[in-house]
Amino acid sequence: MTVVLTEADYAATVSAPGIVLVDFRAARSGSSRAFTREFAAAAGRHPGLVFASVDTEAEVALTARVGVRSAPTLMVFRDGVPVYAEPGYLPGDSLDLLVATVRELDMPAVRALFPEPVDPR
């Protein structure tokens, strides 16, 4: 299941403990529509993670503030730290590999490299 984020709940969601994947999508984009299917399927394969979406056409200010310039764009957060952000379509196997990689991150080492908190807004 994918939760829909708005400007009101975005920061709290991506700052939460655990892994949060956010798909910035646009209904008019063919690649966004195709990635939506892959994203939903991955959510079913990884039930312990938060899979969220942001409608770039409805959330224009949020989309601009976080620096998204094209849809789809995928951002991944672990324990409130942004660890991945790339535009474009990812096939399901690549999405699963990304999830596995994020799960294996040594978060104390990541925090040592980036000691200043990153504002998710």
C-alpha atoms as a PDB file:
ATOM      1  CA  MET A   1       0.000   0.000   0.000  1.00  0.00           C
ATOM      2  CA  THR A   2       1.209   3.473  -0.850  1.00  0.00           C
ATOM      3  CA  VAL A   3       0.342   6.490   1.286  1.00  0.00           C
ATOM      4  CA  VAL A   4      -0.229   9.866  -0.340  1.00  0.00           C
ATOM      5  CA  LEU A   5       1.813  12.714   1.108  1.00  0.00           C
ATOM      6  CA  THR A   6       1.028  16.404   1.096  1.00  0.00           C
ATOM      7  CA  GLU A   7       3.023  19.389   2.229  1.00  0.00           C
ATOM      8  CA  ALA A   8       1.354  19.042   5.647  1.00  0.00           C
ATOM      9  CA  ASP A   9       2.700  15.547   6.395  1.00  0.00           C
ATOM     10  CA  TYR A  10       5.784  15.197   4.192  1.00  0.00           C
ATOM     11  CA  ALA A  11       8.449  16.310   6.704  1.00  0.00           C
ATOM     12  CA  ALA A  12       7.063  14.197   9.543  1.00  0.00           C
ATOM     13  CA  THR A  13       6.876  11.121   7.315  1.00  0.00           C
ATOM     14  CA  VAL A  14      10.396  11.310   5.869  1.00  0.00           C
ATOM     15  CA  SER A  15      11.892  12.154   9.282  1.00  0.00           C
ATOM     16  CA  ALA A  16      10.413   9.066  10.954  1.00  0.00           C
ATOM     17  CA  PRO A  17      12.524   6.066  11.967  1.00  0.00           C
ATOM     18  CA  GLY A  18      12.866   3.316   9.396  1.00  0.00           C
ATOM     19  CA  ILE A  19      12.963   3.329   5.613  1.00  0.00           C
ATOM     20  CA  VAL A  20      10.686   5.640   3.646  1.00  0.00           C
ATOM     21  CA  LEU A  21      10.501   5.607  -0.141  1.00  0.00           C
ATOM     22  CA  VAL A  22       8.808   8.586  -1.795  1.00  0.00           C
ATOM     23  CA  ASP A  23       7.713   8.531  -5.420  1.00  0.00           C
ATOM     24  CA  PHE A  24       7.194  12.019  -6.846  1.00  0.00           C
ATOM     25  CA  ARG A  25       4.780  11.352  -9.712  1.00  0.00           C
ATOM     26  CA  ALA A  26       2.720  13.146 -12.316  1.00  0.00           C
ATOM     27  CA  ALA A  27      -0.442  11.679 -13.808  1.00  0.00           C
ATOM     28  CA  ARG A  28       0.416  13.102 -17.237  1.00  0.00           C
ATOM     29  CA  SER A  29       3.786  11.321 -17.335  1.00  0.00           C
ATOM     30  CA  GLY A  30       3.820   7.906 -18.988  1.00  0.00           C
ATOM     31  CA  SER A  31       6.961   6.875 -17.127  1.00  0.00           C
ATOM     32  CA  SER A  32       5.351   7.978 -13.845  1.00  0.00           C
ATOM     33  CA  ARG A  33       2.319   5.815 -14.549  1.00  0.00           C
ATOM     34  CA  ALA A  34       4.550   2.843 -15.400  1.00  0.00           C
ATOM     35  CA  PHE A  35       6.692   3.358 -12.292  1.00  0.00           C
ATOM     36  CA  THR A  36       3.572   3.606 -10.126  1.00  0.00           C
ATOM     37  CA  ARG A  37       2.857  -0.055 -10.921  1.00  0.00           C
ATOM     38  CA  GLU A  38       6.431  -1.108 -10.051  1.00  0.00           C
ATOM     39  CA  PHE A  39       6.313   0.974  -6.861  1.00  0.00           C
ATOM     40  CA  ALA A  40       3.008  -0.542  -5.728  1.00  0.00           C
ATOM     41  CA  ALA A  41       4.293  -4.064  -6.409  1.00  0.00           C
ATOM     42  CA  ALA A  42       7.467  -3.338  -4.401  1.00  0.00           C
ATOM     43  CA  ALA A  43       5.317  -2.067  -1.524  1.00  0.00           C
ATOM     44  CA  GLY A  44       3.654  -5.469  -1.483  1.00  0.00           C
ATOM     45  CA  ARG A  45       7.032  -7.218  -1.391  1.00  0.00           C
ATOM     46  CA  HIS A  46       8.392  -5.005   1.415  1.00  0.00           C
ATOM     47  CA  PRO A  47       5.520  -4.568   3.898  1.00  0.00           C
ATOM     48  CA  GLY A  48       7.680  -3.232   6.749  1.00  0.00           C
ATOM     49  CA  LEU A  49       8.677  -0.111   4.833  1.00  0.00           C
ATOM     50  CA  VAL A  50       6.792   3.103   4.128  1.00  0.00           C
ATOM     51  CA  PHE A  51       5.994   3.605   0.443  1.00  0.00           C
ATOM     52  CA  ALA A  52       4.629   7.076  -0.190  1.00  0.00           C
ATOM     53  CA  SER A  53       3.783   9.211  -3.186  1.00  0.00           C
ATOM     54  CA  VAL A  54       3.595  12.917  -3.891  1.00  0.00           C
ATOM     55  CA  ASP A  55       1.470  14.247  -6.747  1.00  0.00           C
ATOM     56  CA  THR A  56       3.804  16.817  -8.305  1.00  0.00           C
ATOM     57  CA  GLU A  57       0.911  18.567 -10.018  1.00  0.00           C
ATOM     58  CA  ALA A  58      -1.071  19.010  -6.778  1.00  0.00           C
ATOM     59  CA  GLU A  59       1.935  19.680  -4.512  1.00  0.00           C
ATOM     60  CA  VAL A  60       3.815  22.214  -6.624  1.00  0.00           C
ATOM     61  CA  ALA A  61       5.388  24.107  -3.699  1.00  0.00           C
ATOM     62  CA  LEU A  62       6.575  20.929  -1.953  1.00  0.00           C
ATOM     63  CA  THR A  63       7.946  19.524  -5.206  1.00  0.00           C
ATOM     64  CA  ALA A  64       9.910  22.708  -5.867  1.00  0.00           C
ATOM     65  CA  ARG A  65      11.171  22.989  -2.288  1.00  0.00           C
ATOM     66  CA  VAL A  66      12.699  19.496  -2.271  1.00  0.00           C
ATOM     67  CA  GLY A  67      14.244  20.062  -5.707  1.00  0.00           C
ATOM     68  CA  VAL A  68      12.269  17.627  -7.824  1.00  0.00           C
ATOM     69  CA  ARG A  69      12.385  18.684 -11.455  1.00  0.00           C
ATOM     70  CA  SER A  70      10.958  15.679 -13.259  1.00  0.00           C
ATOM     71  CA  ALA A  71       8.561  12.840 -12.625  1.00  0.00           C
ATOM     72  CA  PRO A  72       9.004  10.189 -11.628  1.00  0.00           C
ATOM     73  CA  THR A  73      11.671  10.963  -9.054  1.00  0.00           C
ATOM     74  CA  LEU A  74      12.368   8.537  -6.244  1.00  0.00           C
ATOM     75  CA  MET A  75      13.722   9.648  -2.871  1.00  0.00           C
ATOM     76  CA  VAL A  76      14.648   7.222  -0.110  1.00  0.00           C
ATOM     77  CA  PHE A  77      15.138   8.141   3.542  1.00  0.00           C
ATOM     78  CA  ARG A  78      16.502   5.969   6.324  1.00  0.00           C
ATOM     79  CA  ASP A  79      15.948   7.127   9.888  1.00  0.00           C
ATOM     80  CA  GLY A  80      15.304  10.638   8.614  1.00  0.00           C
ATOM     81  CA  VAL A  81      18.477  10.780   6.499  1.00  0.00           C
ATOM     82  CA  PRO A  82      18.097  11.146   2.722  1.00  0.00           C
ATOM     83  CA  VAL A  83      20.151   8.321   1.211  1.00  0.00           C
ATOM     84  CA  TYR A  84      18.939   8.265  -2.412  1.00  0.00           C
ATOM     85  CA  ALA A  85      17.345  10.705  -4.848  1.00  0.00           C
ATOM     86  CA  GLU A  86      17.193  10.109  -8.591  1.00  0.00           C
ATOM     87  CA  PRO A  87      14.743  10.890 -11.371  1.00  0.00           C
ATOM     88  CA  GLY A  88      13.538   8.207 -13.746  1.00  0.00           C
ATOM     89  CA  TYR A  89      11.830   4.866 -13.976  1.00  0.00           C
ATOM     90  CA  LEU A  90      13.258   1.909 -12.025  1.00  0.00           C
ATOM     91  CA  PRO A  91      12.257  -1.663 -12.879  1.00  0.00           C
ATOM     92  CA  GLY A  92      11.118  -3.869 -10.002  1.00  0.00           C
ATOM     93  CA  ASP A  93      14.389  -5.786  -9.636  1.00  0.00           C
ATOM     94  CA  SER A  94      16.351  -2.526  -9.402  1.00  0.00           C
ATOM     95  CA  LEU A  95      13.903  -1.218  -6.820  1.00  0.00           C
ATOM     96  CA  ASP A  96      14.360  -4.408  -4.771  1.00  0.00           C
ATOM     97  CA  LEU A  97      18.148  -4.054  -5.002  1.00  0.00           C
ATOM     98  CA  LEU A  98      17.882  -0.443  -3.834  1.00  0.00           C
ATOM     99  CA  VAL A  99      15.782  -1.513  -0.839  1.00  0.00           C
ATOM    100  CA  ALA A 100      18.324  -4.226   0.054  1.00  0.00           C
ATOM    101  CA  THR A 101      21.175  -1.731  -0.215  1.00  0.00           C
ATOM    102  CA  VAL A 102      19.418   0.820   2.003  1.00  0.00           C
ATOM    103  CA  ARG A 103      18.643  -1.887   4.579  1.00  0.00           C
ATOM    104  CA  GLU A 104      22.339  -2.769   4.791  1.00  0.00           C
ATOM    105  CA  LEU A 105      23.602   0.789   5.229  1.00  0.00           C
ATOM    106  CA  ASP A 106      25.809   1.382   8.239  1.00  0.00           C
ATOM    107  CA  MET A 107      23.862   4.356   9.566  1.00  0.00           C
ATOM    108  CA  PRO A 108      26.444   5.398  12.207  1.00  0.00           C
ATOM    109  CA  ALA A 109      28.996   5.642   9.378  1.00  0.00           C
ATOM    110  CA  VAL A 110      26.539   7.591   7.206  1.00  0.00           C
ATOM    111  CA  ARG A 111      25.872  10.011  10.063  1.00  0.00           C
ATOM    112  CA  ALA A 112      29.612  10.416  10.636  1.00  0.00           C
ATOM    113  CA  LEU A 113      30.002  11.484   7.011  1.00  0.00           C
ATOM    114  CA  PHE A 114      27.071  13.886   7.235  1.00  0.00           C
ATOM    115  CA  PRO A 115      26.935  15.100  10.846  1.00  0.00           C
ATOM    116  CA  GLU A 116      24.648  18.053  10.135  1.00  0.00           C
ATOM    117  CA  PRO A 117      20.981  17.111   9.981  1.00  0.00           C
ATOM    118  CA  VAL A 118      19.454  17.541   6.555  1.00  0.00           C
ATOM    119  CA  ASP A 119      16.214  19.480   6.446  1.00  0.00           C
ATOM    120  CA  PRO A 120      13.795  17.274   4.465  1.00  0.00           C
ATOM    121  CA  ARG A 121      11.727  20.299   3.488  1.00  0.00           C
END
